[in-house]
Amino acid sequence: MDITNMYIEMVQPCKNQKVFIDKNVSINGASFYIYGNNAYFEVGEDCMFSTGIIVMTSDGHKLIEKSTNKVLNSENNTVKIGKHVWVCRGATICKGVTIPNNCTIGTRALVTKSFEEENLVIAGIPAKIVKRDVIWDREENF
C-alpha cells in the first residue's frame, strides 16, 4: 500500500462503523467520511485514488418533507469500490454507491448512484457512463 494524506472521520454516537481497504491500494489525498449506524466503506484490491477525493457514507442529516414529516433520504450508509478502480482527482462518491471492478472515475465526477457493468469510465455531474470496455494501467503516460 502507498498511502499519503488520507483522512478518515467516523462520527459518534453512531454504531458499527467499518472500513476495509484491501491490498495494493494507492491513496494520495482522499477524505473518507464514515457516518451513520452500520456505515461500511470498502475498497477492493489494486485501487488507485488521486488527490482531493471525498467519499461519504451518509448525508449527515435527515431531509424531511414538511407536509408529511417523511424522511426523504435513505439510510443506506455504504460505499463499495471494486477491484482495480482508479478514482481521479477531485471526485466525490456519495452514500449507497457501488463501483464495479476495473472502472475509472473521472476528474471531479459526482457519483450519486451505483453502476453494475465492469470496465467503465464514469464521469460528469452527476456521473454517468461515458465509455465502455476500458481498462487502465498504473504506468505513467508522460
N, C-alpha and C. Protein backbone atom coordinates (compact mmCIF):
# COMPACT_ATOMS: atom_id res chain seq x y z
N MET A 1 0.83 -1.18 0.00
CA MET A 1 0.00 0.00 0.00
C MET A 1 0.87 1.24 0.00
N ASP A 2 0.42 2.24 -0.71
CA ASP A 2 1.09 3.53 -0.75
C ASP A 2 0.04 4.57 -0.37
N ILE A 3 0.04 4.98 0.91
CA ILE A 3 -1.00 5.87 1.40
C ILE A 3 -0.35 7.13 1.96
N THR A 4 -0.75 8.29 1.41
CA THR A 4 -0.31 9.58 1.93
C THR A 4 -1.53 10.51 2.01
N ASN A 5 -1.55 11.35 3.01
CA ASN A 5 -2.61 12.36 3.16
C ASN A 5 -4.02 11.77 3.15
N MET A 6 -4.22 10.65 3.82
CA MET A 6 -5.55 10.06 3.91
C MET A 6 -6.19 10.51 5.22
N TYR A 7 -7.47 10.86 5.14
CA TYR A 7 -8.22 11.29 6.32
C TYR A 7 -9.46 10.44 6.43
N ILE A 8 -9.68 9.83 7.62
CA ILE A 8 -10.89 9.05 7.87
C ILE A 8 -11.58 9.66 9.08
N GLU A 9 -12.86 10.01 8.91
CA GLU A 9 -13.64 10.54 10.02
C GLU A 9 -14.82 9.62 10.29
N MET A 10 -14.94 9.19 11.54
CA MET A 10 -16.05 8.34 11.96
C MET A 10 -16.76 9.05 13.09
N VAL A 11 -18.02 9.39 12.89
CA VAL A 11 -18.77 10.21 13.83
C VAL A 11 -19.46 9.36 14.88
N GLN A 12 -19.37 9.80 16.11
CA GLN A 12 -20.09 9.16 17.21
C GLN A 12 -21.32 10.00 17.51
N PRO A 13 -22.40 9.46 18.02
CA PRO A 13 -22.55 8.17 18.67
C PRO A 13 -22.97 7.04 17.73
N CYS A 14 -22.65 7.11 16.47
CA CYS A 14 -23.03 6.04 15.53
C CYS A 14 -22.37 4.73 15.94
N LYS A 15 -23.02 3.62 15.56
CA LYS A 15 -22.55 2.29 15.94
C LYS A 15 -22.19 1.46 14.72
N ASN A 16 -21.24 0.54 14.90
CA ASN A 16 -20.88 -0.46 13.89
C ASN A 16 -20.35 0.15 12.60
N GLN A 17 -19.50 1.13 12.70
CA GLN A 17 -18.88 1.72 11.52
C GLN A 17 -17.64 0.90 11.16
N LYS A 18 -17.49 0.58 9.86
CA LYS A 18 -16.36 -0.27 9.45
C LYS A 18 -15.74 0.25 8.16
N VAL A 19 -14.42 0.08 8.06
CA VAL A 19 -13.66 0.42 6.86
C VAL A 19 -12.81 -0.79 6.51
N PHE A 20 -12.81 -1.18 5.24
CA PHE A 20 -11.95 -2.27 4.77
C PHE A 20 -11.21 -1.78 3.53
N ILE A 21 -9.89 -1.78 3.58
CA ILE A 21 -9.06 -1.42 2.43
C ILE A 21 -8.19 -2.62 2.12
N ASP A 22 -8.35 -3.18 0.92
CA ASP A 22 -7.64 -4.38 0.51
C ASP A 22 -6.18 -4.05 0.15
N LYS A 23 -5.45 -5.03 -0.33
CA LYS A 23 -4.02 -4.89 -0.60
C LYS A 23 -3.76 -4.13 -1.91
N ASN A 24 -2.53 -3.60 -2.01
CA ASN A 24 -2.02 -2.92 -3.19
C ASN A 24 -2.89 -1.72 -3.59
N VAL A 25 -3.27 -0.92 -2.61
CA VAL A 25 -4.10 0.27 -2.84
C VAL A 25 -3.23 1.52 -2.67
N SER A 26 -3.37 2.48 -3.59
CA SER A 26 -2.66 3.75 -3.51
C SER A 26 -3.68 4.85 -3.21
N ILE A 27 -3.38 5.64 -2.18
CA ILE A 27 -4.26 6.75 -1.82
C ILE A 27 -3.36 7.97 -1.62
N ASN A 28 -3.66 9.05 -2.34
CA ASN A 28 -2.83 10.25 -2.27
C ASN A 28 -3.69 11.49 -2.06
N GLY A 29 -4.29 11.61 -0.89
CA GLY A 29 -5.06 12.82 -0.60
C GLY A 29 -6.55 12.62 -0.71
N ALA A 30 -7.09 11.65 0.00
CA ALA A 30 -8.53 11.38 -0.02
C ALA A 30 -9.08 11.50 1.39
N SER A 31 -10.34 11.95 1.47
CA SER A 31 -11.04 12.06 2.74
C SER A 31 -12.23 11.13 2.74
N PHE A 32 -12.32 10.29 3.75
CA PHE A 32 -13.40 9.31 3.86
C PHE A 32 -14.23 9.63 5.10
N TYR A 33 -15.50 9.95 4.90
CA TYR A 33 -16.41 10.30 5.99
C TYR A 33 -17.35 9.12 6.21
N ILE A 34 -17.11 8.38 7.27
CA ILE A 34 -17.86 7.15 7.57
C ILE A 34 -18.90 7.50 8.63
N TYR A 35 -20.07 7.92 8.16
CA TYR A 35 -21.13 8.41 9.03
C TYR A 35 -22.30 7.44 9.01
N GLY A 36 -23.03 7.38 10.11
CA GLY A 36 -24.28 6.62 10.19
C GLY A 36 -24.09 5.27 10.87
N ASN A 37 -25.17 4.78 11.45
CA ASN A 37 -25.16 3.45 12.04
C ASN A 37 -24.93 2.41 10.95
N ASN A 38 -24.12 1.42 11.25
CA ASN A 38 -23.79 0.34 10.31
C ASN A 38 -23.13 0.86 9.04
N ALA A 39 -22.48 2.00 9.11
CA ALA A 39 -21.78 2.55 7.95
C ALA A 39 -20.63 1.62 7.57
N TYR A 40 -20.47 1.40 6.26
CA TYR A 40 -19.43 0.49 5.78
C TYR A 40 -18.81 1.07 4.53
N PHE A 41 -17.49 1.11 4.51
CA PHE A 41 -16.74 1.58 3.35
C PHE A 41 -15.73 0.52 2.98
N GLU A 42 -15.77 0.08 1.73
CA GLU A 42 -14.89 -1.00 1.27
C GLU A 42 -14.17 -0.56 0.00
N VAL A 43 -12.86 -0.83 -0.02
CA VAL A 43 -12.03 -0.57 -1.19
C VAL A 43 -11.39 -1.89 -1.59
N GLY A 44 -11.61 -2.30 -2.83
CA GLY A 44 -11.06 -3.55 -3.33
C GLY A 44 -9.58 -3.47 -3.64
N GLU A 45 -9.02 -4.59 -3.95
CA GLU A 45 -7.60 -4.76 -4.27
C GLU A 45 -7.19 -3.93 -5.49
N ASP A 46 -5.96 -3.39 -5.44
CA ASP A 46 -5.32 -2.72 -6.57
C ASP A 46 -6.05 -1.47 -7.04
N CYS A 47 -6.62 -0.70 -6.11
CA CYS A 47 -7.27 0.56 -6.47
C CYS A 47 -6.28 1.72 -6.35
N MET A 48 -6.60 2.82 -7.03
CA MET A 48 -5.74 3.99 -7.02
C MET A 48 -6.62 5.23 -6.85
N PHE A 49 -6.32 6.02 -5.80
CA PHE A 49 -7.04 7.25 -5.51
C PHE A 49 -6.10 8.43 -5.72
N SER A 50 -6.50 9.40 -6.49
CA SER A 50 -5.72 10.62 -6.69
C SER A 50 -5.95 11.57 -5.52
N THR A 51 -5.78 12.86 -5.72
CA THR A 51 -5.92 13.85 -4.66
C THR A 51 -7.30 14.50 -4.66
N GLY A 52 -7.67 15.05 -3.51
CA GLY A 52 -8.91 15.82 -3.40
C GLY A 52 -10.18 15.00 -3.50
N ILE A 53 -10.11 13.73 -3.21
CA ILE A 53 -11.27 12.84 -3.33
C ILE A 53 -12.04 12.84 -2.02
N ILE A 54 -13.38 12.83 -2.14
CA ILE A 54 -14.25 12.74 -0.97
C ILE A 54 -15.18 11.54 -1.14
N VAL A 55 -15.27 10.73 -0.09
CA VAL A 55 -16.22 9.61 -0.06
C VAL A 55 -17.05 9.79 1.21
N MET A 56 -18.39 9.75 1.06
CA MET A 56 -19.29 9.94 2.20
C MET A 56 -20.29 8.79 2.25
N THR A 57 -20.43 8.16 3.43
CA THR A 57 -21.39 7.06 3.56
C THR A 57 -22.76 7.54 4.03
N SER A 58 -22.93 8.83 4.23
CA SER A 58 -24.21 9.35 4.71
C SER A 58 -24.37 10.81 4.29
N ASP A 59 -25.60 11.30 4.32
CA ASP A 59 -25.85 12.72 4.09
C ASP A 59 -25.50 13.53 5.33
N GLY A 60 -25.43 12.87 6.46
CA GLY A 60 -25.10 13.55 7.71
C GLY A 60 -26.32 14.02 8.49
N HIS A 61 -27.36 14.41 7.79
CA HIS A 61 -28.58 14.89 8.45
C HIS A 61 -29.79 14.43 7.65
N LYS A 62 -30.94 14.39 8.31
CA LYS A 62 -32.18 13.99 7.64
C LYS A 62 -32.73 15.12 6.79
N LEU A 63 -33.33 14.75 5.68
CA LEU A 63 -34.08 15.66 4.83
C LEU A 63 -35.54 15.24 4.97
N ILE A 64 -36.39 16.11 5.48
CA ILE A 64 -37.76 15.75 5.85
C ILE A 64 -38.77 16.55 5.05
N GLU A 65 -39.74 15.85 4.48
CA GLU A 65 -40.84 16.52 3.78
C GLU A 65 -41.74 17.17 4.83
N LYS A 66 -41.88 18.49 4.75
CA LYS A 66 -42.57 19.24 5.80
C LYS A 66 -44.03 18.82 5.98
N SER A 67 -44.77 18.60 4.88
CA SER A 67 -46.20 18.31 4.99
C SER A 67 -46.51 16.93 5.55
N THR A 68 -45.60 15.96 5.35
CA THR A 68 -45.88 14.58 5.80
C THR A 68 -44.96 14.13 6.93
N ASN A 69 -43.92 14.90 7.20
CA ASN A 69 -42.91 14.54 8.19
C ASN A 69 -42.14 13.26 7.80
N LYS A 70 -42.18 12.93 6.51
CA LYS A 70 -41.50 11.73 5.99
C LYS A 70 -40.02 12.04 5.71
N VAL A 71 -39.15 11.12 6.15
CA VAL A 71 -37.72 11.25 5.87
C VAL A 71 -37.50 10.90 4.40
N LEU A 72 -36.87 11.80 3.64
CA LEU A 72 -36.70 11.63 2.20
C LEU A 72 -35.40 10.95 1.80
N ASN A 73 -34.37 11.09 2.61
CA ASN A 73 -33.10 10.47 2.25
C ASN A 73 -32.91 9.15 2.99
N SER A 74 -32.45 8.17 2.27
CA SER A 74 -32.33 6.80 2.81
C SER A 74 -31.18 6.69 3.80
N GLU A 75 -31.17 5.58 4.50
CA GLU A 75 -30.10 5.29 5.45
C GLU A 75 -29.17 4.21 4.92
N ASN A 76 -28.97 4.16 3.61
CA ASN A 76 -28.03 3.21 3.02
C ASN A 76 -26.62 3.76 3.20
N ASN A 77 -26.01 3.48 4.33
CA ASN A 77 -24.74 4.07 4.72
C ASN A 77 -23.53 3.25 4.26
N THR A 78 -23.53 2.84 3.00
CA THR A 78 -22.42 2.05 2.49
C THR A 78 -21.86 2.64 1.21
N VAL A 79 -20.58 2.43 1.01
CA VAL A 79 -19.91 2.70 -0.26
C VAL A 79 -18.99 1.52 -0.50
N LYS A 80 -19.11 0.89 -1.67
CA LYS A 80 -18.26 -0.24 -2.03
C LYS A 80 -17.58 0.04 -3.36
N ILE A 81 -16.27 -0.04 -3.35
CA ILE A 81 -15.47 0.18 -4.55
C ILE A 81 -14.79 -1.13 -4.89
N GLY A 82 -15.02 -1.62 -6.09
CA GLY A 82 -14.50 -2.92 -6.51
C GLY A 82 -12.98 -2.94 -6.67
N LYS A 83 -12.49 -4.01 -7.27
CA LYS A 83 -11.06 -4.18 -7.51
C LYS A 83 -10.62 -3.37 -8.73
N HIS A 84 -9.38 -2.90 -8.68
CA HIS A 84 -8.73 -2.21 -9.80
C HIS A 84 -9.60 -1.04 -10.31
N VAL A 85 -9.92 -0.14 -9.38
CA VAL A 85 -10.68 1.06 -9.72
C VAL A 85 -9.75 2.26 -9.54
N TRP A 86 -9.75 3.14 -10.52
CA TRP A 86 -8.97 4.38 -10.47
C TRP A 86 -9.93 5.52 -10.24
N VAL A 87 -9.78 6.22 -9.10
CA VAL A 87 -10.62 7.38 -8.78
C VAL A 87 -9.75 8.61 -9.01
N CYS A 88 -10.10 9.40 -10.02
CA CYS A 88 -9.29 10.54 -10.42
C CYS A 88 -9.52 11.76 -9.53
N ARG A 89 -8.68 12.74 -9.71
CA ARG A 89 -8.61 13.94 -8.89
C ARG A 89 -9.96 14.62 -8.69
N GLY A 90 -10.27 14.92 -7.42
CA GLY A 90 -11.43 15.73 -7.09
C GLY A 90 -12.78 15.05 -7.19
N ALA A 91 -12.81 13.74 -7.38
CA ALA A 91 -14.09 13.03 -7.48
C ALA A 91 -14.76 12.95 -6.10
N THR A 92 -16.09 12.92 -6.11
CA THR A 92 -16.87 12.74 -4.89
C THR A 92 -17.77 11.52 -5.08
N ILE A 93 -17.73 10.61 -4.12
CA ILE A 93 -18.57 9.41 -4.17
C ILE A 93 -19.50 9.45 -2.96
N CYS A 94 -20.80 9.40 -3.24
CA CYS A 94 -21.81 9.56 -2.19
C CYS A 94 -22.32 8.22 -1.67
N LYS A 95 -23.08 8.30 -0.61
CA LYS A 95 -23.62 7.12 0.09
C LYS A 95 -24.42 6.21 -0.85
N GLY A 96 -24.41 4.92 -0.50
CA GLY A 96 -25.21 3.96 -1.23
C GLY A 96 -24.64 3.56 -2.58
N VAL A 97 -23.43 3.98 -2.90
CA VAL A 97 -22.85 3.75 -4.22
C VAL A 97 -21.98 2.50 -4.22
N THR A 98 -22.11 1.72 -5.30
CA THR A 98 -21.21 0.61 -5.58
C THR A 98 -20.56 0.87 -6.94
N ILE A 99 -19.23 0.80 -6.96
CA ILE A 99 -18.46 0.94 -8.20
C ILE A 99 -17.92 -0.44 -8.52
N PRO A 100 -18.22 -0.97 -9.72
CA PRO A 100 -17.74 -2.31 -10.07
C PRO A 100 -16.23 -2.37 -10.33
N ASN A 101 -15.73 -3.56 -10.50
CA ASN A 101 -14.32 -3.79 -10.80
C ASN A 101 -13.91 -3.11 -12.10
N ASN A 102 -12.63 -2.74 -12.16
CA ASN A 102 -11.98 -2.27 -13.39
C ASN A 102 -12.61 -1.02 -13.98
N CYS A 103 -13.02 -0.09 -13.14
CA CYS A 103 -13.61 1.16 -13.63
C CYS A 103 -12.68 2.33 -13.36
N THR A 104 -12.93 3.42 -14.08
CA THR A 104 -12.25 4.69 -13.86
C THR A 104 -13.30 5.73 -13.56
N ILE A 105 -13.10 6.47 -12.47
CA ILE A 105 -13.99 7.56 -12.10
C ILE A 105 -13.29 8.85 -12.50
N GLY A 106 -13.90 9.63 -13.38
CA GLY A 106 -13.29 10.81 -13.97
C GLY A 106 -13.05 11.94 -12.98
N THR A 107 -12.18 12.85 -13.38
CA THR A 107 -11.85 14.02 -12.59
C THR A 107 -13.10 14.82 -12.26
N ARG A 108 -13.28 15.15 -10.99
CA ARG A 108 -14.39 15.94 -10.44
C ARG A 108 -15.77 15.31 -10.65
N ALA A 109 -15.81 14.03 -10.92
CA ALA A 109 -17.10 13.34 -11.06
C ALA A 109 -17.85 13.38 -9.73
N LEU A 110 -19.17 13.46 -9.82
CA LEU A 110 -20.03 13.39 -8.64
C LEU A 110 -20.86 12.12 -8.78
N VAL A 111 -20.45 11.07 -8.08
CA VAL A 111 -21.07 9.75 -8.22
C VAL A 111 -22.17 9.62 -7.16
N THR A 112 -23.41 9.61 -7.62
CA THR A 112 -24.57 9.57 -6.72
C THR A 112 -25.38 8.30 -6.85
N LYS A 113 -24.98 7.42 -7.77
CA LYS A 113 -25.70 6.16 -7.95
C LYS A 113 -24.71 5.04 -8.25
N SER A 114 -25.19 3.81 -8.07
CA SER A 114 -24.35 2.63 -8.33
C SER A 114 -24.35 2.27 -9.81
N PHE A 115 -23.31 1.56 -10.20
CA PHE A 115 -23.19 1.03 -11.56
C PHE A 115 -22.95 -0.46 -11.45
N GLU A 116 -23.32 -1.22 -12.49
CA GLU A 116 -23.19 -2.67 -12.44
C GLU A 116 -22.14 -3.22 -13.39
N GLU A 117 -21.97 -2.61 -14.55
CA GLU A 117 -21.01 -3.11 -15.54
C GLU A 117 -19.58 -2.83 -15.09
N GLU A 118 -18.68 -3.72 -15.47
CA GLU A 118 -17.27 -3.50 -15.24
C GLU A 118 -16.65 -2.81 -16.44
N ASN A 119 -15.41 -2.34 -16.30
CA ASN A 119 -14.63 -1.73 -17.39
C ASN A 119 -15.28 -0.47 -17.95
N LEU A 120 -15.73 0.40 -17.05
CA LEU A 120 -16.38 1.64 -17.46
C LEU A 120 -15.51 2.84 -17.15
N VAL A 121 -15.72 3.93 -17.91
CA VAL A 121 -15.29 5.25 -17.49
C VAL A 121 -16.56 5.96 -17.08
N ILE A 122 -16.58 6.42 -15.83
CA ILE A 122 -17.75 7.08 -15.24
C ILE A 122 -17.32 8.51 -14.94
N ALA A 123 -18.06 9.50 -15.48
CA ALA A 123 -17.63 10.89 -15.32
C ALA A 123 -18.84 11.82 -15.38
N GLY A 124 -18.62 13.05 -14.94
CA GLY A 124 -19.63 14.09 -15.05
C GLY A 124 -20.32 14.39 -13.73
N ILE A 125 -21.25 15.37 -13.82
CA ILE A 125 -22.04 15.82 -12.67
C ILE A 125 -23.49 15.88 -13.10
N PRO A 126 -24.32 14.94 -12.67
CA PRO A 126 -23.97 13.73 -11.94
C PRO A 126 -23.25 12.75 -12.85
N ALA A 127 -22.50 11.83 -12.25
CA ALA A 127 -21.70 10.88 -13.02
C ALA A 127 -22.58 9.93 -13.82
N LYS A 128 -22.11 9.62 -15.02
CA LYS A 128 -22.78 8.66 -15.89
C LYS A 128 -21.70 7.92 -16.68
N ILE A 129 -22.10 6.88 -17.37
CA ILE A 129 -21.16 6.11 -18.19
C ILE A 129 -20.81 6.94 -19.42
N VAL A 130 -19.51 7.18 -19.62
CA VAL A 130 -19.07 7.91 -20.80
C VAL A 130 -18.29 7.02 -21.78
N LYS A 131 -17.84 5.85 -21.32
CA LYS A 131 -17.12 4.92 -22.19
C LYS A 131 -17.19 3.53 -21.59
N ARG A 132 -17.36 2.53 -22.45
CA ARG A 132 -17.40 1.13 -22.02
C ARG A 132 -16.17 0.39 -22.55
N ASP A 133 -15.91 -0.77 -21.96
CA ASP A 133 -14.85 -1.67 -22.41
C ASP A 133 -13.47 -0.99 -22.35
N VAL A 134 -13.17 -0.38 -21.21
CA VAL A 134 -11.91 0.34 -21.00
C VAL A 134 -11.19 -0.27 -19.81
N ILE A 135 -9.87 -0.39 -19.90
CA ILE A 135 -9.05 -0.79 -18.77
C ILE A 135 -8.01 0.31 -18.52
N TRP A 136 -7.36 0.27 -17.36
CA TRP A 136 -6.33 1.26 -17.07
C TRP A 136 -5.11 0.57 -16.50
N ASP A 137 -3.98 1.29 -16.55
CA ASP A 137 -2.71 0.76 -16.11
C ASP A 137 -2.01 1.79 -15.24
N ARG A 138 -1.26 1.36 -14.24
CA ARG A 138 -0.57 2.28 -13.33
C ARG A 138 0.63 2.99 -13.98
N GLU A 139 1.10 2.50 -15.11
CA GLU A 139 2.25 3.12 -15.75
C GLU A 139 1.92 4.55 -16.15
N GLU A 140 2.82 5.46 -15.82
CA GLU A 140 2.60 6.88 -16.14
C GLU A 140 2.65 7.09 -17.64
N ASN A 141 1.92 8.11 -18.09
CA ASN A 141 1.77 8.36 -19.52
C ASN A 141 2.39 9.70 -19.91
N PHE A 142 3.59 9.98 -19.39
CA PHE A 142 4.27 11.21 -19.79
C PHE A 142 5.76 11.02 -19.83
